[in-house]
Amino acid sequence: MSIDTTETKVAPKRGMSILFSLTLLGLLLFLWLLLGFATNSFWTPNNISNLLRQGAMTAILAVGQTFVIITAGIDLSVGAVVGFASVIIAWLLSVGLPVWLAIVLTLLMGVAIGMFHAFGIVRMGLPPFIITLATLTSLRGIGLLITNGSTISISDEAFTNFARADFLGVPSLFWMVIVVAIPAYVFLHLSRWGRYLFAVGSNSEAARLSGVNVNRTIYMAYILSSTCAAFVGILLASRIGIGNATQAEGWELQAIASSVIGGTSLFGAVGSVQGPLLGAFILATINNGANLMNVNSFWQRIITGALIILIVYFDQLRRRGSR
C-alpha cells in the first residue's frame, strides 16, 4: 500500500490550514492597526524594523520546531542550540576560518545534534522530551566550558553587519525567514517526505505498514529542527557580535508557542509552515506593543500563556469532534 492513498484526506486538512492561516493574518493586521492607533511610535520605520528583526529568529525556530511537533514529538533544546551555535561560529571565526566555512561547520553541528536526538528516540527508546531536555542542559554547560563562562567577541565586520543591514528597505533577518520558509513549504506541503511526517504523527505503526520508513522520517524531523536552530544561532551571533552560551534562554518555549498559536497540534499530524511564521510575528507584535505601551513584562508572559491554553483547548475540541 502506498502512502499516496491518503492524498484525499490530506487535501481537506490543507484547506483548513490555509483558512486558519488567513485568520491569523487577519489577527496580525488587526493588532498592527490597533497599536497604530494606540501609540504614536508603532508605525515608525525604526520600530517596524525592530519588530521584524525580533520576530524573524523566533519564526525560523518555529518552522524547525513544527517539523518535530507534526511527528508528535518535541524539541526542547533549540534555545540551547542557538546559544551553542553562536559560541561555535564565534570561536571558528576567532581562529581565522573564512566566514563561509565557519557557517557550514556550524550548520553541520546542528545536523549532528539532530541526529543525536533521533538516535536517542529511535535506537535508545528515550522519549523526545527527555533526550532534548538533556541536550538543553548539556549544551549550555559545554558552551560555558568552551568560553570559560565568558563570551567570544566577533571582529569580522562583514559578518556582524549582515544582521543589522537592510535590503530593499527590509531587514536582512526578515529575508532569511523567506529563505527558510519557501523550501520548508515545498518540503512539508508539496513533497512525499512532508506527507510522511504527517503520517508518522497520525499513526506511526500505520505509516510503517504503508511503506513509510518511520525511523528515517524521525531523523529527518529532528535534523531539520536542530539545523534551523543552528542557523538562528549564526544570525544571533551576527546581530549581537559575540558568541554567548547563555543567549536564547527560553527561546524554545517561544518557538513552541509560535508553532502552537500557528495551528500546529501538540498531538501530531496537524501543522503548516505559514501558521508558525504568523504565530511568531503575532507574539513579537504583542511584546513590541506591550513595550511601547509600558505594559508590565509579566503581563506579556500571561497573555502568551493564555493564548496557548485557548488554542490547545480548541485543538482538543476539534479532535473530539472529528472522531
Protein backbone atom coordinates (compact mmCIF):
# COMPACT_ATOMS: atom_id res chain seq x y z
CA MET A 1 0.00 0.00 0.00
CA SER A 2 1.35 3.45 -0.84
CA ILE A 3 1.16 6.49 1.39
CA ASP A 4 -0.16 8.43 -1.61
CA THR A 5 -3.59 6.87 -0.95
CA THR A 6 -4.01 9.38 1.88
CA GLU A 7 -3.91 12.32 -0.52
CA THR A 8 -7.69 12.74 -0.44
CA LYS A 9 -7.54 13.01 3.36
CA VAL A 10 -4.68 15.49 3.29
CA ALA A 11 -6.43 17.95 0.95
CA PRO A 12 -9.27 18.94 3.35
CA LYS A 13 -6.77 19.38 6.19
CA ARG A 14 -4.63 21.58 3.95
CA GLY A 15 -7.69 23.68 3.15
CA MET A 16 -8.46 24.12 6.85
CA SER A 17 -4.82 25.04 7.44
CA ILE A 18 -4.99 27.79 4.81
CA LEU A 19 -8.24 29.11 6.31
CA PHE A 20 -6.71 29.16 9.78
CA SER A 21 -3.62 30.94 8.42
CA LEU A 22 -5.81 33.62 6.85
CA THR A 23 -7.47 34.07 10.25
CA LEU A 24 -4.06 34.50 11.87
CA LEU A 25 -3.08 37.01 9.19
CA GLY A 26 -6.26 38.95 9.92
CA LEU A 27 -5.44 38.92 13.64
CA LEU A 28 -1.91 40.15 12.96
CA LEU A 29 -3.17 43.00 10.77
CA PHE A 30 -5.78 43.89 13.42
CA LEU A 31 -3.04 44.08 16.09
CA TRP A 32 -0.91 46.29 13.85
CA LEU A 33 -3.85 48.66 13.20
CA LEU A 34 -4.82 48.69 16.89
CA LEU A 35 -1.29 49.51 18.01
CA GLY A 36 -1.01 52.11 15.27
CA PHE A 37 -3.95 53.98 16.86
CA ALA A 38 -2.92 53.27 20.46
CA THR A 39 0.68 54.50 20.13
CA ASN A 40 2.47 57.22 18.23
CA SER A 41 5.62 55.21 17.56
CA PHE A 42 4.40 51.81 16.36
CA TRP A 43 4.34 52.68 12.65
CA THR A 44 7.73 54.40 12.68
CA PRO A 45 10.28 52.76 10.32
CA ASN A 46 12.67 52.09 13.19
CA ASN A 47 10.05 50.25 15.26
CA ILE A 48 8.78 48.18 12.33
CA SER A 49 12.36 47.15 11.52
CA ASN A 50 12.94 46.16 15.14
CA LEU A 51 9.69 44.18 15.20
CA LEU A 52 10.64 42.27 12.04
CA ARG A 53 14.07 41.50 13.49
CA GLN A 54 12.56 40.38 16.79
CA GLY A 55 10.12 38.03 15.11
CA ALA A 56 12.44 36.70 12.42
CA MET A 57 14.62 34.43 14.54
CA THR A 58 11.66 33.05 16.51
CA ALA A 59 9.88 32.40 13.21
CA ILE A 60 12.77 30.29 11.87
CA LEU A 61 12.93 28.36 15.14
CA ALA A 62 9.17 27.80 15.00
CA VAL A 63 9.38 26.34 11.50
CA GLY A 64 12.01 23.83 12.61
CA GLN A 65 10.02 23.01 15.75
CA THR A 66 6.91 22.42 13.64
CA PHE A 67 8.55 19.56 11.72
CA VAL A 68 9.13 17.78 15.03
CA ILE A 69 5.73 18.51 16.55
CA ILE A 70 3.96 17.20 13.45
CA THR A 71 5.56 13.81 14.17
CA ALA A 72 4.06 14.03 17.71
CA GLY A 73 7.48 14.86 19.15
CA ILE A 74 9.02 17.90 20.84
CA ASP A 75 12.43 19.59 20.77
CA LEU A 76 13.23 21.44 23.99
CA SER A 77 16.86 22.03 23.04
CA VAL A 78 16.51 24.64 20.30
CA GLY A 79 17.25 27.61 22.56
CA ALA A 80 20.41 25.91 23.84
CA VAL A 81 21.40 25.00 20.27
CA VAL A 82 21.08 28.69 19.32
CA GLY A 83 23.40 29.76 22.14
CA PHE A 84 25.86 26.94 21.47
CA ALA A 85 25.91 27.71 17.73
CA SER A 86 26.73 31.35 18.49
CA VAL A 87 29.71 30.15 20.52
CA ILE A 88 30.87 27.72 17.83
CA ILE A 89 30.79 30.23 14.98
CA ALA A 90 32.41 32.93 17.12
CA TRP A 91 35.21 30.52 18.05
CA LEU A 92 35.69 29.36 14.44
CA LEU A 93 35.92 32.96 13.24
CA SER A 94 38.36 33.81 16.05
CA VAL A 95 40.80 31.12 14.86
CA GLY A 96 40.80 32.61 11.37
CA LEU A 97 38.42 30.40 9.38
CA PRO A 98 36.65 32.01 6.40
CA VAL A 99 33.10 33.09 7.16
CA TRP A 100 31.55 30.63 4.68
CA LEU A 101 33.43 27.68 6.18
CA ALA A 102 32.54 28.70 9.73
CA ILE A 103 28.87 28.87 8.73
CA VAL A 104 28.96 25.44 7.05
CA LEU A 105 30.66 23.82 10.05
CA THR A 106 28.18 25.39 12.47
CA LEU A 107 25.25 24.12 10.41
CA LEU A 108 26.82 20.65 10.34
CA MET A 109 26.99 20.83 14.12
CA GLY A 110 23.24 21.40 14.08
CA VAL A 111 22.79 18.36 11.85
CA ALA A 112 24.84 16.25 14.29
CA ILE A 113 22.72 17.36 17.25
CA GLY A 114 19.54 16.47 15.38
CA MET A 115 20.95 13.04 14.53
CA PHE A 116 21.82 12.51 18.20
CA HIS A 117 18.26 13.34 19.24
CA ALA A 118 16.77 10.97 16.66
CA PHE A 119 19.24 8.23 17.67
CA GLY A 120 18.14 8.57 21.29
CA ILE A 121 14.49 8.33 20.30
CA VAL A 122 14.73 5.62 17.66
CA ARG A 123 17.54 3.40 18.94
CA MET A 124 17.56 4.01 22.70
CA GLY A 125 13.80 4.33 23.09
CA LEU A 126 14.01 7.61 25.00
CA PRO A 127 11.03 9.99 24.98
CA PRO A 128 11.67 13.14 22.90
CA PHE A 129 11.04 15.27 25.98
CA ILE A 130 13.87 13.57 27.91
CA ILE A 131 16.56 13.42 25.22
CA THR A 132 16.05 17.05 24.14
CA LEU A 133 15.84 18.26 27.75
CA ALA A 134 19.16 16.53 28.45
CA THR A 135 20.70 18.22 25.40
CA LEU A 136 19.37 21.59 26.54
CA THR A 137 21.23 21.26 29.84
CA SER A 138 24.37 19.71 28.35
CA LEU A 139 24.87 22.23 25.55
CA ARG A 140 24.63 25.14 27.97
CA GLY A 141 27.34 23.51 30.07
CA ILE A 142 29.58 22.66 27.12
CA GLY A 143 29.26 26.20 25.77
CA LEU A 144 30.21 27.66 29.15
CA LEU A 145 33.22 25.34 29.34
CA ILE A 146 34.41 26.41 25.89
CA THR A 147 34.11 30.10 26.77
CA ASN A 148 35.16 29.67 30.42
CA GLY A 149 31.90 31.32 31.40
CA SER A 150 32.64 34.40 29.31
CA THR A 151 31.88 35.47 25.74
CA ILE A 152 33.77 35.35 22.45
CA SER A 153 33.86 38.62 20.53
CA ILE A 154 33.49 38.61 16.74
CA SER A 155 35.74 41.08 14.96
CA ASP A 156 34.69 40.29 11.38
CA GLU A 157 32.66 43.39 10.46
CA ALA A 158 31.27 41.89 7.26
CA PHE A 159 29.72 39.12 9.36
CA THR A 160 28.37 41.35 12.13
CA ASN A 161 27.00 43.97 9.73
CA PHE A 162 24.82 41.43 7.92
CA ALA A 163 22.13 41.04 10.59
CA ARG A 164 21.99 44.80 11.14
CA ALA A 165 21.65 45.71 7.48
CA ASP A 166 18.57 46.23 5.30
CA PHE A 167 17.94 45.08 1.75
CA LEU A 168 15.33 46.92 -0.32
CA GLY A 169 14.23 48.63 2.89
CA VAL A 170 13.55 45.32 4.66
CA PRO A 171 15.80 43.94 7.44
CA SER A 172 18.12 41.19 6.22
CA LEU A 173 16.93 38.94 9.05
CA PHE A 174 13.42 39.01 7.62
CA TRP A 175 14.78 38.00 4.23
CA MET A 176 16.32 34.97 5.98
CA VAL A 177 12.82 33.98 7.10
CA ILE A 178 11.76 33.93 3.45
CA VAL A 179 14.88 31.95 2.51
CA VAL A 180 13.90 29.30 5.07
CA ALA A 181 10.12 29.42 4.57
CA ILE A 182 9.97 28.78 0.82
CA PRO A 183 11.90 25.47 0.78
CA ALA A 184 10.23 24.48 4.06
CA TYR A 185 6.80 24.98 2.48
CA VAL A 186 7.76 22.96 -0.58
CA PHE A 187 9.18 20.20 1.62
CA LEU A 188 6.23 19.98 4.00
CA HIS A 189 3.28 20.57 1.69
CA LEU A 190 4.42 19.58 -1.79
CA SER A 191 6.70 16.58 -1.29
CA ARG A 192 6.18 12.98 -0.25
CA TRP A 193 8.59 13.48 2.68
CA GLY A 194 6.23 16.07 4.09
CA ARG A 195 3.34 13.61 3.83
CA TYR A 196 5.50 11.09 5.66
CA LEU A 197 5.86 13.50 8.59
CA PHE A 198 2.08 13.84 8.84
CA ALA A 199 1.62 10.08 8.51
CA VAL A 200 4.08 9.33 11.32
CA GLY A 201 2.43 11.89 13.57
CA SER A 202 -1.01 10.46 12.87
CA ASN A 203 -0.17 6.79 13.44
CA SER A 204 3.42 5.62 13.21
CA GLU A 205 2.52 1.94 13.01
CA ALA A 206 0.01 2.50 10.20
CA ALA A 207 2.63 4.62 8.43
CA ARG A 208 5.17 1.80 8.74
CA LEU A 209 2.70 -0.72 7.33
CA SER A 210 2.06 1.68 4.44
CA GLY A 211 5.72 1.61 3.48
CA VAL A 212 6.99 4.71 5.28
CA ASN A 213 10.45 4.47 6.81
CA VAL A 214 9.40 5.81 10.21
CA ASN A 215 12.90 5.93 11.69
CA ARG A 216 14.28 7.87 8.75
CA THR A 217 11.36 10.31 8.97
CA ILE A 218 12.05 10.95 12.66
CA TYR A 219 15.73 11.56 11.88
CA MET A 220 14.69 14.00 9.18
CA ALA A 221 12.40 15.98 11.53
CA TYR A 222 14.94 16.39 14.31
CA ILE A 223 17.79 17.21 11.93
CA LEU A 224 15.69 19.97 10.36
CA SER A 225 14.79 21.36 13.79
CA SER A 226 18.38 21.49 15.05
CA THR A 227 19.70 22.84 11.76
CA CYS A 228 17.18 25.69 11.89
CA ALA A 229 18.29 26.38 15.47
CA ALA A 230 21.96 26.40 14.43
CA PHE A 231 21.10 28.81 11.62
CA VAL A 232 19.38 31.11 14.12
CA GLY A 233 22.49 30.91 16.31
CA ILE A 234 24.55 32.17 13.37
CA LEU A 235 22.12 35.05 12.81
CA LEU A 236 22.11 35.89 16.52
CA ALA A 237 25.92 35.96 16.61
CA SER A 238 25.85 38.27 13.60
CA ARG A 239 23.35 40.58 15.28
CA ILE A 240 24.99 40.91 18.72
CA GLY A 241 28.61 40.41 17.62
CA ILE A 242 29.51 37.82 20.27
CA GLY A 243 29.23 34.12 21.00
CA ASN A 244 27.49 33.51 24.31
CA ALA A 245 26.29 30.14 25.57
CA THR A 246 23.64 31.73 27.80
CA GLN A 247 21.93 33.53 24.92
CA ALA A 248 18.45 32.48 23.75
CA GLU A 249 17.31 31.14 27.12
CA GLY A 250 13.60 30.40 26.91
CA TRP A 251 13.53 30.64 23.12
CA GLU A 252 12.46 27.01 22.90
CA LEU A 253 9.23 27.99 24.64
CA GLN A 254 8.77 30.90 22.24
CA ALA A 255 9.25 28.54 19.31
CA ILE A 256 6.74 26.03 20.67
CA ALA A 257 4.27 28.81 21.48
CA SER A 258 4.60 30.28 17.97
CA SER A 259 4.06 26.88 16.40
CA VAL A 260 1.02 26.11 18.55
CA ILE A 261 -0.50 29.55 18.03
CA GLY A 262 0.06 28.95 14.32
CA GLY A 263 -2.19 25.90 14.43
CA THR A 264 0.29 23.05 14.93
CA SER A 265 -1.26 20.33 17.09
CA LEU A 266 0.83 19.10 20.02
CA PHE A 267 -0.82 15.73 19.39
CA GLY A 268 0.83 15.49 15.98
CA ALA A 269 -0.25 15.23 12.33
CA VAL A 270 -1.53 18.82 12.07
CA GLY A 271 0.59 21.81 11.09
CA SER A 272 1.84 24.10 8.39
CA VAL A 273 4.75 26.40 7.58
CA GLN A 274 2.82 29.64 7.26
CA GLY A 275 0.98 29.22 10.59
CA PRO A 276 4.06 29.22 12.86
CA LEU A 277 5.54 32.14 10.92
CA LEU A 278 2.41 34.18 11.62
CA GLY A 279 2.35 32.93 15.21
CA ALA A 280 5.91 34.16 15.74
CA PHE A 281 5.10 37.64 14.45
CA ILE A 282 1.88 37.76 16.48
CA LEU A 283 3.95 37.11 19.62
CA ALA A 284 6.55 39.66 18.51
CA THR A 285 3.78 42.22 17.92
CA ILE A 286 2.26 41.61 21.35
CA ASN A 287 5.65 42.01 23.03
CA ASN A 288 6.52 45.05 20.95
CA GLY A 289 3.18 46.73 21.59
CA ALA A 290 3.35 45.99 25.31
CA ASN A 291 6.77 47.60 25.48
CA LEU A 292 5.57 50.69 23.60
CA MET A 293 2.58 50.99 25.94
CA ASN A 294 4.74 50.40 29.04
CA VAL A 295 2.81 47.27 29.98
CA ASN A 296 4.48 45.19 32.67
CA SER A 297 6.57 42.44 31.05
CA PHE A 298 4.91 39.89 33.33
CA TRP A 299 1.62 40.53 31.51
CA GLN A 300 3.29 39.64 28.22
CA ARG A 301 4.00 36.15 29.56
CA ILE A 302 0.47 35.83 30.91
CA ILE A 303 -1.02 36.76 27.52
CA THR A 304 1.23 34.25 25.74
CA GLY A 305 0.28 31.50 28.18
CA ALA A 306 -3.42 32.28 27.82
CA LEU A 307 -3.17 32.12 24.02
CA ILE A 308 -1.51 28.69 24.22
CA ILE A 309 -4.17 27.35 26.61
CA LEU A 310 -7.01 28.58 24.41
CA ILE A 311 -5.57 27.20 21.18
CA VAL A 312 -4.67 23.80 22.67
CA TYR A 313 -8.16 23.62 24.20
CA PHE A 314 -9.83 24.30 20.85
CA ASP A 315 -7.47 21.77 19.25
CA GLN A 316 -8.74 19.15 21.71
CA LEU A 317 -12.34 20.07 20.88
CA ARG A 318 -11.54 19.72 17.19
CA ARG A 319 -10.02 16.28 17.74
CA ARG A 320 -13.02 15.10 19.73
CA GLY A 321 -15.40 16.38 17.06
CA SER A 322 -13.50 14.55 14.30
CA ARG A 323 -13.81 11.17 15.99
